[in-house]
């Protein structure tokens, strides 16, 4: 069940629900990391498991989630403060062909 949830979340990332590529990537990665954190909580409940391995897994998932959040915030701040051209491509045409397109 958990694998199906992660696959559905990853497939949803490719449908591009957000405007930018970096926002879609951050959404997919952070959603999967939250599910991994929930899996760690499930693994810690009512079963005999090594405390050290659960602790290491929980800390690793939390650190990855934190770094992903910081990375997404830094990327959005960089995009906001670094000037970029208005358009990615410039299309040039002459007036005769443009009149046919209007």
PDB file of N, CA and C in Angstrom:
ATOM      1  N   UNK A   1       0.835  -1.192   0.000  1.00  0.00           N
ATOM      2  CA  UNK A   1       0.000   0.000   0.000  1.00  0.00           C
ATOM      3  C   UNK A   1       0.876   1.250   0.000  1.00  0.00           C
ATOM      4  N   UNK A   2       1.915   1.221   0.818  1.00  0.00           N
ATOM      5  CA  UNK A   2       2.801   2.379   0.901  1.00  0.00           C
ATOM      6  C   UNK A   2       3.501   2.632  -0.429  1.00  0.00           C
ATOM      7  N   UNK A   3       3.933   1.569  -1.091  1.00  0.00           N
ATOM      8  CA  UNK A   3       4.594   1.717  -2.387  1.00  0.00           C
ATOM      9  C   UNK A   3       3.634   2.312  -3.412  1.00  0.00           C
ATOM     10  N   UNK A   4       2.383   1.892  -3.383  1.00  0.00           N
ATOM     11  CA  UNK A   4       1.390   2.448  -4.314  1.00  0.00           C
ATOM     12  C   UNK A   4       1.193   3.943  -4.076  1.00  0.00           C
ATOM     13  N   UNK A   5       1.156   4.353  -2.814  1.00  0.00           N
ATOM     14  CA  UNK A   5       1.017   5.786  -2.515  1.00  0.00           C
ATOM     15  C   UNK A   5       2.208   6.585  -3.032  1.00  0.00           C
ATOM     16  N   UNK A   6       3.408   6.046  -2.869  1.00  0.00           N
ATOM     17  CA  UNK A   6       4.590   6.759  -3.364  1.00  0.00           C
ATOM     18  C   UNK A   6       4.609   6.825  -4.892  1.00  0.00           C
ATOM     19  N   UNK A   7       4.183   5.753  -5.540  1.00  0.00           N
ATOM     20  CA  UNK A   7       4.146   5.754  -7.003  1.00  0.00           C
ATOM     21  C   UNK A   7       3.114   6.751  -7.509  1.00  0.00           C
ATOM     22  N   UNK A   8       1.938   6.785  -6.892  1.00  0.00           N
ATOM     23  CA  UNK A   8       0.900   7.734  -7.309  1.00  0.00           C
ATOM     24  C   UNK A   8       1.382   9.172  -7.111  1.00  0.00           C
ATOM     25  N   UNK A   9       2.045   9.446  -6.007  1.00  0.00           N
ATOM     26  CA  UNK A   9       2.570  10.791  -5.767  1.00  0.00           C
ATOM     27  C   UNK A   9       3.633  11.154  -6.789  1.00  0.00           C
ATOM     28  N   UNK A  10       4.475  10.204  -7.138  1.00  0.00           N
ATOM     29  CA  UNK A  10       5.515  10.474  -8.139  1.00  0.00           C
ATOM     30  C   UNK A  10       4.927  10.678  -9.524  1.00  0.00           C
ATOM     31  N   UNK A  11       3.904   9.907  -9.875  1.00  0.00           N
ATOM     32  CA  UNK A  11       3.255  10.084 -11.175  1.00  0.00           C
ATOM     33  C   UNK A  11       2.540  11.432 -11.223  1.00  0.00           C
ATOM     34  N   UNK A  12       1.937  11.821 -10.118  1.00  0.00           N
ATOM     35  CA  UNK A  12       1.259  13.114 -10.069  1.00  0.00           C
ATOM     36  C   UNK A  12       2.248  14.251 -10.283  1.00  0.00           C
ATOM     37  N   UNK A  13       3.473  14.071  -9.869  1.00  0.00           N
ATOM     38  CA  UNK A  13       4.490  15.094 -10.062  1.00  0.00           C
ATOM     39  C   UNK A  13       4.702  15.371 -11.547  1.00  0.00           C
ATOM     40  N   UNK A  14       4.578  14.351 -12.391  1.00  0.00           N
ATOM     41  CA  UNK A  14       4.792  14.528 -13.826  1.00  0.00           C
ATOM     42  C   UNK A  14       3.586  15.127 -14.542  1.00  0.00           C
ATOM     43  N   UNK A  15       2.439  15.238 -13.863  1.00  0.00           N
ATOM     44  CA  UNK A  15       1.300  15.915 -14.469  1.00  0.00           C
ATOM     45  C   UNK A  15       1.412  17.427 -14.323  1.00  0.00           C
ATOM     46  N   UNK A  16       2.418  17.866 -13.594  1.00  0.00           N
ATOM     47  CA  UNK A  16       2.763  19.280 -13.423  1.00  0.00           C
ATOM     48  C   UNK A  16       1.599  20.107 -12.875  1.00  0.00           C
ATOM     49  N   UNK A  17       1.192  19.843 -11.622  1.00  0.00           N
ATOM     50  CA  UNK A  17       0.115  20.645 -11.047  1.00  0.00           C
ATOM     51  C   UNK A  17       0.549  22.066 -10.715  1.00  0.00           C
ATOM     52  N   UNK A  18       1.852  22.305 -10.586  1.00  0.00           N
ATOM     53  CA  UNK A  18       2.349  23.641 -10.280  1.00  0.00           C
ATOM     54  C   UNK A  18       2.901  24.279 -11.539  1.00  0.00           C
ATOM     55  N   UNK A  19       3.106  25.570 -11.509  1.00  0.00           N
ATOM     56  CA  UNK A  19       3.518  26.318 -12.695  1.00  0.00           C
ATOM     57  C   UNK A  19       4.958  26.022 -13.091  1.00  0.00           C
ATOM     58  N   UNK A  20       5.862  25.934 -12.128  1.00  0.00           N
ATOM     59  CA  UNK A  20       7.276  25.773 -12.451  1.00  0.00           C
ATOM     60  C   UNK A  20       7.741  24.346 -12.187  1.00  0.00           C
ATOM     61  N   UNK A  21       8.832  23.990 -12.857  1.00  0.00           N
ATOM     62  CA  UNK A  21       9.402  22.664 -12.707  1.00  0.00           C
ATOM     63  C   UNK A  21       9.916  22.455 -11.288  1.00  0.00           C
ATOM     64  N   UNK A  22      10.560  23.472 -10.714  1.00  0.00           N
ATOM     65  CA  UNK A  22      11.134  23.314  -9.376  1.00  0.00           C
ATOM     66  C   UNK A  22      10.040  23.142  -8.320  1.00  0.00           C
ATOM     67  N   UNK A  23       8.903  23.807  -8.479  1.00  0.00           N
ATOM     68  CA  UNK A  23       7.805  23.634  -7.526  1.00  0.00           C
ATOM     69  C   UNK A  23       7.222  22.226  -7.623  1.00  0.00           C
ATOM     70  N   UNK A  24       7.110  21.688  -8.839  1.00  0.00           N
ATOM     71  CA  UNK A  24       6.628  20.320  -9.014  1.00  0.00           C
ATOM     72  C   UNK A  24       7.588  19.317  -8.387  1.00  0.00           C
ATOM     73  N   UNK A  25       8.878  19.534  -8.576  1.00  0.00           N
ATOM     74  CA  UNK A  25       9.875  18.644  -7.994  1.00  0.00           C
ATOM     75  C   UNK A  25       9.844  18.709  -6.471  1.00  0.00           C
ATOM     76  N   UNK A  26       9.787  19.915  -5.929  1.00  0.00           N
ATOM     77  CA  UNK A  26       9.740  20.069  -4.470  1.00  0.00           C
ATOM     78  C   UNK A  26       8.488  19.421  -3.891  1.00  0.00           C
ATOM     79  N   UNK A  27       7.358  19.571  -4.558  1.00  0.00           N
ATOM     80  CA  UNK A  27       6.115  18.968  -4.087  1.00  0.00           C
ATOM     81  C   UNK A  27       6.219  17.446  -4.061  1.00  0.00           C
ATOM     82  N   UNK A  28       6.739  16.858  -5.110  1.00  0.00           N
ATOM     83  CA  UNK A  28       6.867  15.410  -5.161  1.00  0.00           C
ATOM     84  C   UNK A  28       7.844  14.863  -4.135  1.00  0.00           C
ATOM     85  N   UNK A  29       8.991  15.508  -4.012  1.00  0.00           N
ATOM     86  CA  UNK A  29      10.012  15.030  -3.066  1.00  0.00           C
ATOM     87  C   UNK A  29       9.526  15.182  -1.627  1.00  0.00           C
ATOM     88  N   UNK A  30       8.987  16.341  -1.294  1.00  0.00           N
ATOM     89  CA  UNK A  30       8.549  16.565   0.079  1.00  0.00           C
ATOM     90  C   UNK A  30       7.349  15.689   0.443  1.00  0.00           C
ATOM     91  N   UNK A  31       6.456  15.440  -0.494  1.00  0.00           N
ATOM     92  CA  UNK A  31       5.322  14.547  -0.215  1.00  0.00           C
ATOM     93  C   UNK A  31       5.801  13.127   0.056  1.00  0.00           C
ATOM     94  N   UNK A  32       6.761  12.653  -0.732  1.00  0.00           N
ATOM     95  CA  UNK A  32       7.299  11.313  -0.500  1.00  0.00           C
ATOM     96  C   UNK A  32       8.064  11.240   0.820  1.00  0.00           C
ATOM     97  N   UNK A  33       8.776  12.310   1.187  1.00  0.00           N
ATOM     98  CA  UNK A  33       9.493  12.301   2.459  1.00  0.00           C
ATOM     99  C   UNK A  33       8.532  12.323   3.645  1.00  0.00           C
ATOM    100  N   UNK A  34       7.418  13.013   3.519  1.00  0.00           N
ATOM    101  CA  UNK A  34       6.423  12.997   4.594  1.00  0.00           C
ATOM    102  C   UNK A  34       5.862  11.581   4.755  1.00  0.00           C
ATOM    103  N   UNK A  35       5.612  10.899   3.630  1.00  0.00           N
ATOM    104  CA  UNK A  35       5.123   9.533   3.732  1.00  0.00           C
ATOM    105  C   UNK A  35       6.164   8.608   4.353  1.00  0.00           C
ATOM    106  N   UNK A  36       7.450   8.846   4.064  1.00  0.00           N
ATOM    107  CA  UNK A  36       8.491   8.045   4.708  1.00  0.00           C
ATOM    108  C   UNK A  36       8.529   8.305   6.211  1.00  0.00           C
ATOM    109  N   UNK A  37       8.311   9.545   6.604  1.00  0.00           N
ATOM    110  CA  UNK A  37       8.271   9.858   8.029  1.00  0.00           C
ATOM    111  C   UNK A  37       7.083   9.162   8.704  1.00  0.00           C
ATOM    112  N   UNK A  38       5.953   9.126   8.034  1.00  0.00           N
ATOM    113  CA  UNK A  38       4.803   8.394   8.566  1.00  0.00           C
ATOM    114  C   UNK A  38       5.089   6.897   8.653  1.00  0.00           C
ATOM    115  N   UNK A  39       5.827   6.381   7.687  1.00  0.00           N
ATOM    116  CA  UNK A  39       6.207   4.977   7.735  1.00  0.00           C
ATOM    117  C   UNK A  39       7.113   4.695   8.931  1.00  0.00           C
ATOM    118  N   UNK A  40       7.990   5.633   9.255  1.00  0.00           N
ATOM    119  CA  UNK A  40       8.842   5.478  10.440  1.00  0.00           C
ATOM    120  C   UNK A  40       7.984   5.441  11.704  1.00  0.00           C
ATOM    121  N   UNK A  41       6.967   6.274  11.769  1.00  0.00           N
ATOM    122  CA  UNK A  41       6.069   6.253  12.916  1.00  0.00           C
ATOM    123  C   UNK A  41       5.306   4.951  13.012  1.00  0.00           C
ATOM    124  N   UNK A  42       4.905   4.423  11.875  1.00  0.00           N
ATOM    125  CA  UNK A  42       4.218   3.134  11.870  1.00  0.00           C
ATOM    126  C   UNK A  42       5.158   2.019  12.314  1.00  0.00           C
ATOM    127  N   UNK A  43       6.395   2.092  11.874  1.00  0.00           N
ATOM    128  CA  UNK A  43       7.367   1.055  12.232  1.00  0.00           C
ATOM    129  C   UNK A  43       7.679   1.071  13.729  1.00  0.00           C
ATOM    130  N   UNK A  44       7.528   2.207  14.365  1.00  0.00           N
ATOM    131  CA  UNK A  44       7.838   2.318  15.790  1.00  0.00           C
ATOM    132  C   UNK A  44       6.684   1.879  16.673  1.00  0.00           C
ATOM    133  N   UNK A  45       5.541   1.578  16.111  1.00  0.00           N
ATOM    134  CA  UNK A  45       4.374   1.251  16.931  1.00  0.00           C
ATOM    135  C   UNK A  45       4.202  -0.252  17.105  1.00  0.00           C
ATOM    136  N   UNK A  46       4.135  -0.677  18.330  1.00  0.00           N
ATOM    137  CA  UNK A  46       3.753  -2.035  18.732  1.00  0.00           C
ATOM    138  C   UNK A  46       4.535  -3.174  18.083  1.00  0.00           C
ATOM    139  N   UNK A  47       5.742  -2.937  17.679  1.00  0.00           N
ATOM    140  CA  UNK A  47       6.562  -4.039  17.180  1.00  0.00           C
ATOM    141  C   UNK A  47       7.917  -3.956  17.842  1.00  0.00           C
ATOM    142  N   UNK A  48       8.580  -5.068  17.891  1.00  0.00           N
ATOM    143  CA  UNK A  48       9.922  -5.090  18.462  1.00  0.00           C
ATOM    144  C   UNK A  48      10.922  -4.790  17.361  1.00  0.00           C
ATOM    145  N   UNK A  49      11.451  -3.592  17.391  1.00  0.00           N
ATOM    146  CA  UNK A  49      12.448  -3.189  16.411  1.00  0.00           C
ATOM    147  C   UNK A  49      13.616  -2.563  17.153  1.00  0.00           C
ATOM    148  N   UNK A  50      14.729  -2.564  16.498  1.00  0.00           N
ATOM    149  CA  UNK A  50      15.913  -1.969  17.083  1.00  0.00           C
ATOM    150  C   UNK A  50      15.710  -0.460  17.189  1.00  0.00           C
ATOM    151  N   UNK A  51      15.855   0.077  18.395  1.00  0.00           N
ATOM    152  CA  UNK A  51      15.641   1.517  18.600  1.00  0.00           C
ATOM    153  C   UNK A  51      16.620   2.356  17.808  1.00  0.00           C
ATOM    154  N   UNK A  52      17.847   1.881  17.685  1.00  0.00           N
ATOM    155  CA  UNK A  52      18.846   2.675  16.975  1.00  0.00           C
ATOM    156  C   UNK A  52      18.498   2.803  15.499  1.00  0.00           C
ATOM    157  N   UNK A  53      18.036   1.712  14.872  1.00  0.00           N
ATOM    158  CA  UNK A  53      17.711   1.774  13.448  1.00  0.00           C
ATOM    159  C   UNK A  53      16.499   2.665  13.192  1.00  0.00           C
ATOM    160  N   UNK A  54      15.494   2.615  14.075  1.00  0.00           N
ATOM    161  CA  UNK A  54      14.344   3.510  13.919  1.00  0.00           C
ATOM    162  C   UNK A  54      14.745   4.959  14.111  1.00  0.00           C
ATOM    163  N   UNK A  55      15.618   5.190  15.078  1.00  0.00           N
ATOM    164  CA  UNK A  55      16.094   6.553  15.318  1.00  0.00           C
ATOM    165  C   UNK A  55      16.882   7.071  14.114  1.00  0.00           C
ATOM    166  N   UNK A  56      17.766   6.252  13.586  1.00  0.00           N
ATOM    167  CA  UNK A  56      18.571   6.660  12.431  1.00  0.00           C
ATOM    168  C   UNK A  56      17.694   6.921  11.210  1.00  0.00           C
ATOM    169  N   UNK A  57      16.720   6.066  10.977  1.00  0.00           N
ATOM    170  CA  UNK A  57      15.833   6.253   9.828  1.00  0.00           C
ATOM    171  C   UNK A  57      14.978   7.508   9.990  1.00  0.00           C
ATOM    172  N   UNK A  58      14.443   7.725  11.183  1.00  0.00           N
ATOM    173  CA  UNK A  58      13.634   8.921  11.426  1.00  0.00           C
ATOM    174  C   UNK A  58      14.440  10.202  11.286  1.00  0.00           C
ATOM    175  N   UNK A  59      15.659  10.210  11.806  1.00  0.00           N
ATOM    176  CA  UNK A  59      16.506  11.399  11.688  1.00  0.00           C
ATOM    177  C   UNK A  59      16.891  11.638  10.232  1.00  0.00           C
ATOM    178  N   UNK A  60      17.200  10.570   9.493  1.00  0.00           N
ATOM    179  CA  UNK A  60      17.574  10.727   8.090  1.00  0.00           C
ATOM    180  C   UNK A  60      16.414  11.304   7.272  1.00  0.00           C
ATOM    181  N   UNK A  61      15.215  10.802   7.485  1.00  0.00           N
ATOM    182  CA  UNK A  61      14.054  11.312   6.744  1.00  0.00           C
ATOM    183  C   UNK A  61      13.777  12.757   7.127  1.00  0.00           C
ATOM    184  N   UNK A  62      13.881  13.079   8.422  1.00  0.00           N
ATOM    185  CA  UNK A  62      13.643  14.454   8.858  1.00  0.00           C
ATOM    186  C   UNK A  62      14.679  15.403   8.269  1.00  0.00           C
ATOM    187  N   UNK A  63      15.945  14.995   8.256  1.00  0.00           N
ATOM    188  CA  UNK A  63      16.994  15.846   7.695  1.00  0.00           C
ATOM    189  C   UNK A  63      16.772  16.046   6.201  1.00  0.00           C
ATOM    190  N   UNK A  64      16.403  14.990   5.479  1.00  0.00           N
ATOM    191  CA  UNK A  64      16.119  15.133   4.052  1.00  0.00           C
ATOM    192  C   UNK A  64      14.920  16.049   3.809  1.00  0.00           C
ATOM    193  N   UNK A  65      13.898  15.918   4.622  1.00  0.00           N
ATOM    194  CA  UNK A  65      12.730  16.801   4.495  1.00  0.00           C
ATOM    195  C   UNK A  65      13.118  18.255   4.758  1.00  0.00           C
ATOM    196  N   UNK A  66      13.913  18.477   5.801  1.00  0.00           N
ATOM    197  CA  UNK A  66      14.352  19.827   6.146  1.00  0.00           C
ATOM    198  C   UNK A  66      15.217  20.415   5.035  1.00  0.00           C
ATOM    199  N   UNK A  67      16.159  19.626   4.509  1.00  0.00           N
ATOM    200  CA  UNK A  67      17.009  20.115   3.425  1.00  0.00           C
ATOM    201  C   UNK A  67      16.200  20.378   2.152  1.00  0.00           C
ATOM    202  N   UNK A  68      15.211  19.541   1.883  1.00  0.00           N
ATOM    203  CA  UNK A  68      14.356  19.771   0.720  1.00  0.00           C
ATOM    204  C   UNK A  68      13.556  21.055   0.847  1.00  0.00           C
ATOM    205  N   UNK A  69      13.056  21.318   2.052  1.00  0.00           N
ATOM    206  CA  UNK A  69      12.308  22.555   2.287  1.00  0.00           C
ATOM    207  C   UNK A  69      13.207  23.770   2.144  1.00  0.00           C
ATOM    208  N   UNK A  70      14.392  23.708   2.742  1.00  0.00           N
ATOM    209  CA  UNK A  70      15.342  24.822   2.632  1.00  0.00           C
ATOM    210  C   UNK A  70      15.757  25.020   1.175  1.00  0.00           C
ATOM    211  N   UNK A  71      15.973  23.930   0.442  1.00  0.00           N
ATOM    212  CA  UNK A  71      16.332  24.035  -0.974  1.00  0.00           C
ATOM    213  C   UNK A  71      15.233  24.675  -1.803  1.00  0.00           C
ATOM    214  N   UNK A  72      13.986  24.313  -1.532  1.00  0.00           N
ATOM    215  CA  UNK A  72      12.868  24.897  -2.278  1.00  0.00           C
ATOM    216  C   UNK A  72      12.728  26.386  -1.982  1.00  0.00           C
ATOM    217  N   UNK A  73      12.902  26.766  -0.719  1.00  0.00           N
ATOM    218  CA  UNK A  73      12.825  28.179  -0.350  1.00  0.00           C
ATOM    219  C   UNK A  73      13.975  28.959  -0.983  1.00  0.00           C
ATOM    220  N   UNK A  74      15.188  28.409  -0.952  1.00  0.00           N
ATOM    221  CA  UNK A  74      16.335  29.089  -1.564  1.00  0.00           C
ATOM    222  C   UNK A  74      16.152  29.237  -3.071  1.00  0.00           C
ATOM    223  N   UNK A  75      15.631  28.210  -3.714  1.00  0.00           N
ATOM    224  CA  UNK A  75      15.403  28.287  -5.160  1.00  0.00           C
ATOM    225  C   UNK A  75      14.362  29.347  -5.506  1.00  0.00           C
ATOM    226  N   UNK A  76      13.297  29.426  -4.726  1.00  0.00           N
ATOM    227  CA  UNK A  76      12.277  30.434  -5.010  1.00  0.00           C
ATOM    228  C   UNK A  76      12.797  31.842  -4.732  1.00  0.00           C
ATOM    229  N   UNK A  77      13.598  32.007  -3.683  1.00  0.00           N
ATOM    230  CA  UNK A  77      14.198  33.326  -3.421  1.00  0.00           C
ATOM    231  C   UNK A  77      15.174  33.710  -4.520  1.00  0.00           C
ATOM    232  N   UNK A  78      15.942  32.760  -5.015  1.00  0.00           N
ATOM    233  CA  UNK A  78      16.867  33.037  -6.110  1.00  0.00           C
ATOM    234  C   UNK A  78      16.098  33.462  -7.362  1.00  0.00           C
ATOM    235  N   UNK A  79      15.027  32.756  -7.673  1.00  0.00           N
ATOM    236  CA  UNK A  79      14.221  33.109  -8.846  1.00  0.00           C
ATOM    237  C   UNK A  79      13.576  34.478  -8.687  1.00  0.00           C
ATOM    238  N   UNK A  80      13.259  34.844  -7.464  1.00  0.00           N
ATOM    239  CA  UNK A  80      12.602  36.127  -7.232  1.00  0.00           C
ATOM    240  C   UNK A  80      13.588  37.290  -7.331  1.00  0.00           C
ATOM    241  N   UNK A  81      14.782  37.123  -6.777  1.00  0.00           N
ATOM    242  CA  UNK A  81      15.714  38.241  -6.694  1.00  0.00           C
ATOM    243  C   UNK A  81      16.688  38.358  -7.860  1.00  0.00           C
ATOM    244  N   UNK A  82      16.926  37.308  -8.614  1.00  0.00           N
ATOM    245  CA  UNK A  82      17.846  37.374  -9.751  1.00  0.00           C
ATOM    246  C   UNK A  82      17.037  37.742 -10.986  1.00  0.00           C
ATOM    247  N   UNK A  83      17.390  38.856 -11.617  1.00  0.00           N
ATOM    248  CA  UNK A  83      16.617  39.262 -12.803  1.00  0.00           C
ATOM    249  C   UNK A  83      16.858  38.289 -13.959  1.00  0.00           C
ATOM    250  N   UNK A  84      15.829  38.075 -14.723  1.00  0.00           N
ATOM    251  CA  UNK A  84      15.916  37.209 -15.889  1.00  0.00           C
ATOM    252  C   UNK A  84      15.119  37.852 -17.022  1.00  0.00           C
ATOM    253  N   UNK A  85      15.395  37.457 -18.247  1.00  0.00           N
ATOM    254  CA  UNK A  85      14.643  38.057 -19.354  1.00  0.00           C
ATOM    255  C   UNK A  85      13.154  37.708 -19.278  1.00  0.00           C
ATOM    256  N   UNK A  86      12.353  38.593 -19.822  1.00  0.00           N
ATOM    257  CA  UNK A  86      10.908  38.379 -19.778  1.00  0.00           C
ATOM    258  C   UNK A  86      10.500  37.143 -20.558  1.00  0.00           C
ATOM    259  N   UNK A  87      11.185  36.919 -21.671  1.00  0.00           N
ATOM    260  CA  UNK A  87      10.820  35.797 -22.532  1.00  0.00           C
ATOM    261  C   UNK A  87      12.033  34.904 -22.720  1.00  0.00           C
ATOM    262  N   UNK A  88      11.789  33.622 -22.856  1.00  0.00           N
ATOM    263  CA  UNK A  88      12.885  32.687 -23.096  1.00  0.00           C
ATOM    264  C   UNK A  88      13.372  32.745 -24.538  1.00  0.00           C
ATOM    265  N   UNK A  89      12.466  33.048 -25.466  1.00  0.00           N
ATOM    266  CA  UNK A  89      12.808  33.090 -26.885  1.00  0.00           C
ATOM    267  C   UNK A  89      12.238  34.366 -27.498  1.00  0.00           C
ATOM    268  N   UNK A  90      12.931  34.870 -28.496  1.00  0.00           N
ATOM    269  CA  UNK A  90      12.435  36.033 -29.226  1.00  0.00           C
ATOM    270  C   UNK A  90      12.094  35.588 -30.640  1.00  0.00           C
ATOM    271  N   UNK A  91      10.857  35.807 -31.024  1.00  0.00           N
ATOM    272  CA  UNK A  91      10.414  35.466 -32.367  1.00  0.00           C
ATOM    273  C   UNK A  91      10.330  36.744 -33.186  1.00  0.00           C
ATOM    274  N   UNK A  92      11.039  36.747 -34.283  1.00  0.00           N
ATOM    275  CA  UNK A  92      11.036  37.923 -35.147  1.00  0.00           C
ATOM    276  C   UNK A  92      10.283  37.573 -36.433  1.00  0.00           C
ATOM    277  N   UNK A  93       9.451  38.488 -36.899  1.00  0.00           N
ATOM    278  CA  UNK A  93       8.718  38.263 -38.128  1.00  0.00           C
ATOM    279  C   UNK A  93       8.547  39.606 -38.852  1.00  0.00           C
ATOM    280  N   UNK A  94       8.245  39.530 -40.105  1.00  0.00           N
ATOM    281  CA  UNK A  94       8.026  40.763 -40.848  1.00  0.00           C
ATOM    282  C   UNK A  94       6.532  41.070 -40.901  1.00  0.00           C
ATOM    283  N   UNK A  95       6.209  42.292 -41.234  1.00  0.00           N
ATOM    284  CA  UNK A  95       4.830  42.766 -41.111  1.00  0.00           C
ATOM    285  C   UNK A  95       3.877  42.062 -42.076  1.00  0.00           C
ATOM    286  N   UNK A  96       4.342  41.642 -43.208  1.00  0.00           N
ATOM    287  CA  UNK A  96       3.457  40.978 -44.173  1.00  0.00           C
ATOM    288  C   UNK A  96       2.942  39.655 -43.650  1.00  0.00           C
ATOM    289  N   UNK A  97       3.801  38.871 -43.066  1.00  0.00           N
ATOM    290  CA  UNK A  97       3.377  37.574 -42.543  1.00  0.00           C
ATOM    291  C   UNK A  97       2.567  37.755 -41.254  1.00  0.00           C
ATOM    292  N   UNK A  98       2.846  38.792 -40.500  1.00  0.00           N
ATOM    293  CA  UNK A  98       2.116  39.024 -39.267  1.00  0.00           C
ATOM    294  C   UNK A  98       0.680  39.434 -39.548  1.00  0.00           C
ATOM    295  N   UNK A  99       0.457  40.127 -40.667  1.00  0.00           N
ATOM    296  CA  UNK A  99      -0.907  40.524 -40.995  1.00  0.00           C
ATOM    297  C   UNK A  99      -1.761  39.290 -41.335  1.00  0.00           C
ATOM    298  N   UNK A 100      -1.149  38.271 -41.891  1.00  0.00           N
ATOM    299  CA  UNK A 100      -1.899  37.054 -42.212  1.00  0.00           C
ATOM    300  C   UNK A 100      -2.255  36.279 -40.957  1.00  0.00           C
ATOM    301  N   UNK A 101      -1.469  36.441 -39.883  1.00  0.00           N
ATOM    302  CA  UNK A 101      -1.732  35.726 -38.661  1.00  0.00           C
ATOM    303  C   UNK A 101      -2.811  36.386 -37.818  1.00  0.00           C
ATOM    304  N   UNK A 102      -3.078  37.667 -38.032  1.00  0.00           N
ATOM    305  CA  UNK A 102      -4.006  38.397 -37.193  1.00  0.00           C
ATOM    306  C   UNK A 102      -5.441  38.039 -37.440  1.00  0.00           C
TER     307      UNK A 102
END
